Protein backbone atom coordinates (compact mmCIF):
# COMPACT_ATOMS: atom_id res chain seq x y z
CA MET A 1 36.61 -227.75 -139.48
CA PRO A 2 36.48 -230.10 -136.45
CA ASN A 3 40.20 -229.41 -135.85
CA ALA A 4 39.82 -225.64 -135.90
CA PRO A 5 39.11 -225.07 -132.18
CA ARG A 6 41.97 -227.34 -131.11
CA LYS A 7 44.53 -225.86 -133.51
CA LYS A 8 43.56 -222.34 -132.55
CA ILE A 9 44.06 -223.07 -128.84
CA GLU A 10 47.38 -224.91 -129.43
CA LYS A 11 48.63 -221.96 -131.46
CA SER A 12 47.67 -219.53 -128.72
CA LEU A 13 49.58 -221.57 -126.13
CA LYS A 14 52.76 -221.45 -128.22
CA LYS A 15 52.67 -217.63 -128.61
CA LYS A 16 53.54 -216.64 -125.03
CA PRO A 17 54.01 -218.11 -121.59
CA ALA A 18 50.75 -218.41 -119.74
CA SER A 19 49.82 -218.31 -116.13
CA LYS A 20 48.66 -221.47 -114.41
CA LYS A 21 45.11 -220.19 -114.54
CA THR A 22 45.32 -219.49 -118.29
CA LYS A 23 46.87 -222.92 -118.94
CA ALA A 24 44.16 -224.60 -116.94
CA VAL A 25 41.46 -222.83 -118.93
CA ALA A 26 43.23 -223.58 -122.21
CA LYS A 27 43.61 -227.21 -121.19
CA ASP A 28 39.89 -227.41 -120.64
CA HIS A 29 39.40 -225.99 -124.12
CA LEU A 30 41.66 -228.73 -125.58
CA ILE A 31 39.78 -231.44 -123.78
CA GLU A 32 36.47 -230.13 -124.98
CA ALA A 33 37.80 -229.72 -128.50
CA LYS A 34 38.91 -233.36 -128.46
CA LEU A 35 35.52 -234.40 -127.21
CA ASP A 36 34.00 -232.59 -130.12
CA GLU A 37 36.23 -234.45 -132.53
CA SER A 38 35.53 -237.89 -131.08
CA THR A 39 31.79 -237.52 -130.42
CA GLY A 40 30.69 -235.06 -133.06
CA LYS A 41 28.53 -233.32 -130.49
CA THR A 42 27.87 -229.61 -130.55
CA HIS A 43 30.77 -227.74 -128.98
CA VAL A 44 30.07 -225.73 -125.84
CA SER A 45 32.95 -223.48 -124.88
CA THR A 46 34.53 -223.43 -121.47
CA ALA A 47 33.64 -219.75 -121.22
CA GLN A 48 30.00 -220.73 -121.47
CA HIS A 49 30.52 -223.41 -118.81
CA VAL A 50 32.14 -220.87 -116.53
CA LYS A 51 29.22 -218.48 -117.09
CA ASN A 52 26.70 -221.20 -116.35
CA SER A 53 28.60 -222.15 -113.22
CA ARG A 54 28.60 -218.58 -112.02
CA ASN A 55 24.86 -218.32 -112.67
CA ARG A 56 24.28 -221.46 -110.65
CA LYS A 57 26.31 -219.99 -107.79
CA ALA A 58 24.42 -216.64 -108.03
CA PHE A 59 21.09 -218.46 -108.05
CA SER A 60 22.02 -220.37 -104.92
CA TRP A 61 23.13 -217.17 -103.19
CA TRP A 62 19.86 -215.31 -103.92
CA ALA A 63 17.86 -218.33 -102.84
CA VAL A 64 19.54 -218.14 -99.41
CA VAL A 65 18.95 -214.37 -99.19
CA SER A 66 15.28 -214.78 -100.16
CA LEU A 67 14.81 -217.45 -97.53
CA LEU A 68 16.33 -215.24 -94.83
CA LEU A 69 14.14 -212.31 -95.86
CA ALA A 70 11.03 -214.50 -95.77
CA ILE A 71 11.94 -215.69 -92.25
CA ALA A 72 12.53 -212.09 -91.10
CA LEU A 73 9.22 -210.93 -92.55
CA GLY A 74 7.39 -213.80 -90.89
CA ALA A 75 8.96 -212.92 -87.55
CA ILE A 76 7.93 -209.26 -87.93
CA LEU A 77 4.32 -210.22 -88.72
CA LEU A 78 4.18 -212.63 -85.79
CA TYR A 79 5.58 -209.98 -83.46
CA GLU A 80 3.03 -207.45 -84.66
CA PHE A 81 -0.09 -209.61 -84.59
CA ASN A 82 0.59 -212.47 -82.16
CA SER A 83 0.70 -211.30 -78.54
CA ASP A 84 2.15 -214.61 -77.22
CA PHE A 85 5.01 -214.50 -79.72
CA ARG A 86 5.64 -210.82 -78.89
CA GLN A 87 5.61 -211.50 -75.17
CA ASN A 88 8.10 -214.36 -75.46
CA SER A 89 10.29 -212.31 -77.79
CA ASN A 90 10.32 -209.40 -75.34
CA LYS A 91 11.31 -211.75 -72.53
CA LEU A 92 14.23 -213.00 -74.61
CA LEU A 93 15.25 -209.45 -75.55
CA GLY A 94 14.93 -208.43 -71.92
CA ALA A 95 17.36 -211.16 -70.90
CA ILE A 96 20.03 -209.55 -73.06
CA GLY A 97 19.08 -205.97 -72.18
CA MET A 98 17.24 -205.09 -75.40
CA ALA A 99 13.52 -205.30 -74.43
CA PRO A 100 11.39 -202.24 -75.30
CA PRO A 101 10.92 -200.17 -72.11
CA SER A 102 7.17 -199.71 -72.72
CA ASP A 103 6.61 -203.47 -72.68
CA GLN A 104 8.21 -203.69 -69.23
CA THR A 105 6.33 -200.83 -67.61
CA GLN A 106 2.80 -200.77 -69.01
CA ASP A 107 -0.14 -203.08 -68.48
CA GLY A 108 -2.21 -204.26 -71.41
CA ALA A 109 -1.14 -204.97 -74.98
CA GLY A 110 2.19 -206.74 -75.36
CA THR A 111 2.70 -207.46 -71.62
CA GLY A 112 0.35 -210.33 -70.91
CA LYS A 113 -1.33 -208.22 -68.20
CA THR A 114 -4.98 -207.21 -68.45
CA PHE A 115 -5.93 -203.55 -68.63
CA VAL A 116 -9.25 -202.90 -66.88
CA MET A 117 -11.24 -200.16 -68.62
CA LYS A 118 -13.85 -198.82 -66.20
CA LEU A 119 -16.80 -197.16 -67.94
CA ASN A 120 -19.77 -195.26 -66.57
CA ILE A 121 -22.66 -195.82 -68.99
CA VAL A 122 -25.82 -193.73 -68.86
CA TYR A 123 -28.64 -195.37 -70.79
CA ASP A 124 -32.42 -195.71 -70.91
CA LYS A 125 -33.44 -199.10 -69.53
CA GLU A 126 -36.85 -198.70 -71.18
CA HIS A 127 -35.35 -198.38 -74.66
CA PRO A 128 -36.01 -201.59 -76.63
CA ILE A 129 -32.49 -202.13 -78.00
CA MET A 130 -30.16 -199.65 -76.32
CA LYS A 131 -28.63 -201.95 -73.69
CA SER A 132 -28.15 -204.88 -76.08
CA SER A 133 -26.52 -202.54 -78.63
CA ILE A 134 -24.16 -201.20 -75.97
CA GLU A 135 -23.25 -204.71 -74.84
CA GLY A 136 -22.32 -205.56 -78.43
CA TYR A 137 -20.14 -202.44 -78.56
CA LEU A 138 -18.37 -203.40 -75.33
CA LYS A 139 -17.60 -206.87 -76.66
CA SER A 140 -16.19 -205.25 -79.77
CA LEU A 141 -13.94 -203.06 -77.60
CA GLU A 142 -12.59 -206.09 -75.73
CA SER A 143 -11.93 -208.04 -78.94
CA ASN A 144 -10.25 -205.15 -80.77
CA LEU A 145 -8.07 -203.93 -77.89
CA GLU A 146 -5.45 -206.43 -76.73
CA ASN A 147 -5.56 -207.68 -73.14
CA THR A 148 -8.44 -205.37 -72.25
CA LYS A 149 -11.39 -206.03 -69.97
CA VAL A 150 -14.31 -203.60 -69.74
CA GLU A 151 -16.05 -203.09 -66.41
CA ALA A 152 -19.37 -201.29 -66.93
CA ASN A 153 -21.17 -199.24 -64.30
CA TRP A 154 -24.74 -199.07 -65.69
CA LEU A 155 -26.71 -195.93 -64.78
CA ASP A 156 -30.34 -195.58 -65.82
CA ARG A 157 -31.14 -192.07 -67.04
CA ASN A 158 -33.60 -191.55 -64.15
CA ASP A 159 -31.03 -192.39 -61.45
CA GLY A 160 -29.68 -189.49 -59.41
CA ALA A 161 -26.05 -190.25 -60.38
CA ALA A 162 -27.04 -190.38 -64.05
CA GLN A 163 -28.82 -187.01 -63.83
CA GLN A 164 -25.76 -185.44 -62.23
CA LEU A 165 -23.54 -186.77 -65.01
CA ILE A 166 -25.99 -185.58 -67.70
CA ASP A 167 -26.00 -182.08 -66.20
CA LYS A 168 -22.22 -182.04 -65.72
CA LEU A 169 -21.58 -182.97 -69.38
CA ASP A 170 -24.50 -180.93 -70.74
CA ALA A 171 -25.37 -184.12 -72.62
CA LYS A 172 -27.99 -184.03 -75.35
CA SER A 173 -28.26 -187.73 -76.12
CA LEU A 174 -27.97 -191.27 -74.79
CA PRO A 175 -26.04 -193.44 -74.29
CA ILE A 176 -23.18 -191.66 -72.53
CA PHE A 177 -19.79 -193.32 -71.98
CA THR A 178 -17.27 -191.84 -69.56
CA THR A 179 -14.10 -193.01 -67.84
CA ASP A 180 -11.24 -191.48 -65.85
CA ALA A 181 -7.69 -190.36 -66.62
CA SER A 182 -6.33 -193.92 -66.34
CA ILE A 183 -7.54 -194.47 -69.91
CA THR A 184 -4.54 -192.45 -71.11
CA THR A 185 -2.20 -195.18 -69.80
CA HIS A 186 -3.72 -197.83 -72.05
CA PRO A 187 -0.92 -199.05 -74.37
CA GLN A 188 -3.14 -198.55 -77.41
CA TYR A 189 -4.55 -195.18 -76.32
CA PRO A 190 -3.02 -193.33 -79.31
CA LEU A 191 -5.13 -195.53 -81.60
CA PHE A 192 -8.48 -194.48 -80.12
CA SER A 193 -7.72 -191.14 -78.44
CA GLY A 194 -9.46 -189.35 -81.34
CA VAL A 195 -12.89 -190.50 -80.12
CA ILE A 196 -12.34 -189.36 -76.52
CA LYS A 197 -12.75 -185.79 -75.34
CA GLN A 198 -12.18 -184.23 -71.93
CA ASN A 199 -15.41 -182.73 -70.68
CA ASN A 200 -15.62 -181.15 -67.23
CA GLY A 201 -13.05 -183.54 -65.76
CA GLU A 202 -14.54 -186.62 -67.43
CA TYR A 203 -13.04 -188.58 -70.30
CA GLN A 204 -16.03 -188.98 -72.60
CA PHE A 205 -16.30 -191.29 -75.62
CA GLU A 206 -17.90 -189.48 -78.55
CA SER A 207 -20.90 -191.30 -80.03
CA GLU A 208 -23.99 -190.60 -82.06
CA GLY A 209 -27.08 -190.78 -79.90
CA MET A 210 -29.74 -193.46 -79.93
CA GLU A 211 -32.14 -191.35 -77.90
CA TYR A 212 -32.10 -187.58 -77.54
CA LEU A 213 -32.75 -185.77 -74.28
CA GLU A 214 -33.42 -182.63 -76.30
CA THR A 215 -33.81 -181.99 -80.02
CA PRO A 216 -32.45 -179.20 -82.23
CA PRO A 217 -34.34 -175.91 -82.06
CA VAL A 218 -36.44 -174.94 -85.05
CA ASP A 219 -36.65 -171.17 -84.59
CA GLY A 220 -35.89 -169.33 -87.81
CA ALA A 221 -35.36 -172.52 -89.82
CA ARG A 222 -36.86 -173.19 -93.25
CA PHE A 223 -39.43 -175.96 -93.35
CA MET A 224 -41.82 -177.89 -95.57
CA GLY A 225 -45.15 -179.37 -94.59
CA ALA A 226 -46.77 -178.23 -91.36
CA GLU A 227 -45.51 -175.37 -89.23
CA PRO A 228 -43.15 -176.84 -86.61
CA GLU A 229 -45.10 -175.35 -83.70
CA LYS A 230 -48.36 -176.96 -84.88
CA ALA A 231 -47.05 -180.29 -86.19
CA GLN A 232 -47.60 -183.60 -84.44
CA LEU A 233 -44.11 -184.72 -85.53
CA VAL A 234 -41.07 -182.59 -86.39
CA ILE A 235 -38.30 -184.04 -88.56
CA VAL A 236 -35.07 -182.02 -88.47
CA GLU A 237 -32.58 -182.71 -91.28
CA TYR A 238 -28.97 -181.54 -91.22
CA VAL A 239 -28.19 -181.53 -94.92
CA SER A 240 -25.37 -180.92 -97.39
CA PHE A 241 -26.50 -180.31 -100.97
CA THR A 242 -23.30 -181.84 -102.35
CA CYS A 243 -24.05 -185.09 -100.50
CA GLY A 244 -25.14 -188.08 -102.59
CA TYR A 245 -26.93 -189.74 -99.65
CA CYS A 246 -28.88 -186.53 -98.97
CA LYS A 247 -30.00 -186.64 -102.59
CA MET A 248 -31.19 -190.24 -102.04
CA MET A 249 -33.21 -189.25 -98.95
CA HIS A 250 -34.77 -186.16 -100.52
CA PRO A 251 -37.67 -187.84 -102.40
CA ILE A 252 -38.44 -189.97 -99.32
CA LEU A 253 -38.75 -186.88 -97.15
CA GLU A 254 -40.90 -185.22 -99.81
CA LYS A 255 -43.19 -188.24 -99.74
CA VAL A 256 -43.49 -187.96 -95.95
CA VAL A 257 -44.71 -184.35 -96.03
CA ASP A 258 -46.94 -185.05 -99.05
CA THR A 259 -48.49 -188.07 -97.31
CA TYR A 260 -49.04 -186.69 -93.82
CA GLY A 261 -49.80 -183.05 -94.65
CA SER A 262 -50.42 -181.01 -91.52
CA LYS A 263 -49.15 -183.72 -89.16
CA VAL A 264 -45.46 -183.56 -90.08
CA SER A 265 -43.00 -180.69 -90.38
CA TRP A 266 -39.71 -181.16 -92.23
CA VAL A 267 -37.16 -178.64 -90.96
CA ILE A 268 -34.06 -177.85 -93.03
CA LYS A 269 -30.77 -177.24 -91.23
CA HIS A 270 -27.52 -176.69 -93.12
CA PHE A 271 -24.35 -178.70 -92.43
CA ASP A 272 -21.26 -177.27 -94.13
CA ARG A 273 -18.82 -180.05 -95.04
CA GLY A 274 -16.42 -177.61 -96.70
CA GLY A 275 -15.74 -176.62 -100.30
CA ILE A 276 -18.79 -175.18 -102.06
CA ASP A 277 -21.28 -176.43 -99.45
CA SER A 278 -21.82 -173.08 -97.79
CA MET A 279 -22.41 -171.27 -101.09
CA ILE A 280 -25.07 -173.76 -102.18
CA SER A 281 -26.80 -173.62 -98.80
CA GLN A 282 -26.83 -169.82 -99.01
CA ALA A 283 -28.37 -170.06 -102.49
CA VAL A 284 -31.17 -172.24 -101.06
CA GLU A 285 -31.82 -169.62 -98.39
CA CYS A 286 -31.83 -166.84 -101.00
CA ALA A 287 -34.34 -168.76 -103.13
CA ALA A 288 -36.49 -169.41 -100.04
CA ASP A 289 -36.75 -165.63 -99.60
CA GLN A 290 -38.58 -165.68 -102.94
CA GLY A 291 -40.85 -168.54 -101.87
CA ARG A 292 -38.94 -171.11 -103.98
CA LEU A 293 -37.43 -173.35 -101.28
CA ARG A 294 -38.64 -176.75 -102.52
CA PRO A 295 -38.17 -176.05 -106.27
CA MET A 296 -34.65 -174.75 -105.62
CA ILE A 297 -33.64 -177.85 -103.63
CA ASP A 298 -35.20 -180.10 -106.29
CA SER A 299 -33.28 -178.28 -109.05
CA ILE A 300 -29.96 -178.37 -107.15
CA TYR A 301 -30.16 -182.14 -106.67
CA GLU A 302 -31.17 -182.56 -110.33
CA LYS A 303 -28.17 -180.47 -111.44
CA GLN A 304 -25.75 -181.79 -108.81
CA GLY A 305 -23.48 -183.35 -111.45
CA GLU A 306 -23.40 -180.14 -113.51
CA ILE A 307 -22.40 -178.14 -110.45
CA PHE A 308 -19.44 -180.48 -109.87
CA THR A 309 -18.47 -180.22 -113.55
CA ALA A 310 -18.58 -176.42 -113.44
CA MET A 311 -16.38 -176.42 -110.36
CA GLN A 312 -13.80 -178.82 -111.77
CA SER A 313 -13.55 -177.39 -115.27
CA SER A 314 -13.14 -173.72 -114.41
CA GLU A 315 -10.04 -171.76 -113.49
CA ASN A 316 -12.24 -169.86 -111.03
CA PRO A 317 -14.42 -172.59 -109.44
CA GLU A 318 -16.22 -170.26 -107.00
CA SER A 319 -17.32 -167.88 -109.75
CA ALA A 320 -18.37 -170.78 -111.99
CA VAL A 321 -20.51 -172.36 -109.26
CA ARG A 322 -22.06 -169.00 -108.38
CA GLU A 323 -23.11 -168.53 -112.01
CA GLN A 324 -24.40 -172.11 -112.16
CA LEU A 325 -26.54 -171.53 -109.07
CA ALA A 326 -27.99 -168.37 -110.59
CA GLU A 327 -29.04 -170.35 -113.68
CA ILE A 328 -30.52 -173.11 -111.49
CA ALA A 329 -32.53 -170.46 -109.64
CA VAL A 330 -34.17 -169.50 -112.94
CA THR A 331 -35.31 -173.10 -113.54
CA ALA A 332 -36.67 -173.08 -109.97
CA GLY A 333 -38.76 -169.99 -110.72
CA ALA A 334 -36.61 -167.52 -108.75
CA ASP A 335 -35.32 -164.18 -109.95
CA LYS A 336 -31.72 -164.53 -111.14
CA ALA A 337 -30.57 -160.99 -110.38
CA ASN A 338 -32.13 -161.03 -106.93
CA LEU A 339 -30.51 -164.36 -106.03
CA SER A 340 -27.12 -163.29 -107.41
CA ALA A 341 -27.19 -160.13 -105.27
CA CYS A 342 -28.15 -162.17 -102.20
CA LEU A 343 -25.23 -164.54 -102.80
CA ALA A 344 -22.75 -161.74 -103.44
CA ALA A 345 -23.67 -160.13 -100.12
CA ASN A 346 -23.13 -163.40 -98.21
CA THR A 347 -26.51 -162.75 -96.62
CA TYR A 348 -26.84 -166.21 -95.10
CA GLN A 349 -23.20 -167.15 -94.54
CA GLN A 350 -23.46 -166.81 -90.76
CA LYS A 351 -26.72 -168.77 -90.61
CA VAL A 352 -25.08 -171.71 -92.40
CA ALA A 353 -22.11 -171.56 -90.01
CA ASP A 354 -24.42 -171.44 -86.96
CA ASN A 355 -26.47 -174.41 -88.23
CA THR A 356 -23.28 -176.42 -88.68
CA ALA A 357 -21.96 -175.63 -85.20
CA GLU A 358 -25.34 -176.53 -83.74
CA GLY A 359 -25.31 -179.87 -85.55
CA VAL A 360 -21.86 -180.67 -84.16
CA SER A 361 -23.14 -179.90 -80.63
CA PHE A 362 -25.83 -182.54 -81.18
CA GLY A 363 -23.27 -185.13 -82.23
CA VAL A 364 -23.78 -184.83 -85.98
CA LEU A 365 -20.75 -186.29 -87.76
CA GLY A 366 -22.01 -186.47 -91.35
CA THR A 367 -25.01 -186.07 -93.61
CA PRO A 368 -27.86 -186.66 -93.84
CA ALA A 369 -28.47 -186.49 -90.09
CA LEU A 370 -32.16 -186.78 -89.22
CA PHE A 371 -34.02 -186.28 -85.98
CA VAL A 372 -37.40 -187.96 -86.23
CA GLY A 373 -38.89 -186.66 -83.03
CA ASN A 374 -36.28 -187.68 -80.45
CA THR A 375 -34.98 -190.60 -82.55
CA PHE A 376 -31.79 -190.09 -84.50
CA VAL A 377 -31.20 -191.54 -87.97
CA GLY A 378 -27.65 -191.17 -89.29
CA GLY A 379 -27.25 -191.61 -93.05
CA ALA A 380 -29.66 -192.66 -95.77
CA THR A 381 -32.20 -195.43 -95.31
CA ASP A 382 -34.76 -197.06 -97.59
CA GLU A 383 -38.26 -195.69 -98.01
CA ALA A 384 -40.13 -198.53 -96.28
CA THR A 385 -37.94 -198.36 -93.15
CA PHE A 386 -38.18 -194.59 -92.87
CA MET A 387 -41.95 -194.46 -93.47
CA SER A 388 -42.39 -197.12 -90.78
CA LEU A 389 -40.35 -195.02 -88.34
CA VAL A 390 -42.48 -191.96 -89.10
CA GLU A 391 -45.72 -193.90 -88.61
CA GLN A 392 -44.44 -195.28 -85.31
CA ALA A 393 -43.55 -191.78 -84.11
CA LEU A 394 -47.00 -190.47 -85.10
CA ASN A 395 -48.70 -193.25 -83.17
CA GLU A 396 -46.84 -192.68 -79.92
């Protein structure tokens, strides 16, 4: 048996003339066969050695490719996030005629030059935290925008220039941030252009107010607690009944009107976020016609999950939700047929749309949005904080 590999190879060499390459391979086989005979070690064929050699070569090749890819990726990341590296790279590219044109012509990010952002800021110097909050925001702007310096022109709300700007913008809240058209030349303008709107020749940063110069009207709105005209404090809520945070705030607001009775009025304004929002708000209005405002809202929040299930599991979501709302009205003590007819007629569709547009005009971006007197509260808060805010407003 030990002679078998050698004899087989010798026989194959005698059959036909072989090329130099074949003879070399066969010779290797003979040598290895002899080694097997003399040492008794396990035979490993030349074919296997060739395969292993190729694998070693392939491994080395991919190691080089991987290293080059890692270096390229590192360079890309440095260029993207390290302004010094990008600046030096652009200088080198510029020397050979390949530098990006924008890096040669614009101030700010990627050029090493500082972009000066000039802001007019209308604020209330008597507000306890407004100026310090704004200063924190300005520092955030400078740290998040490369090579940017903010120059603030502070205008107290009672100054003549501030009043002119308030009137020009028809502003409803403070603070106000405006700048001029030069902001559009900032290298990173496309990143933040979504929060800037042109308003009467001014470039105005959109922001939720900290202090309101006027509050939403309450005419024709549903309310709980005291009548708005007679209340010491009016709380206006822009609400979506599909909103989880609105559901969290609901029992807190109920506690406010239950605790303070005739002193506080809780005014309900609808804010349509899309989908089935408008239909549910209309159902609340229809139930309020029957004197079932609070029970209907309570029942909708209690059945919020079932409403979503009905919408998702039906081939006709709108019809399924409409039927679900009619059933909820029954649990709230309203007449089912009456409410269904009110919904079918879209009786309050326009009112919901008008409420939503009004909320947007007051800077409402989401729900719940609460106006506690002239103080704005965006989003849900805990009971202790909100009750403290209400008590403070009542004591003013």
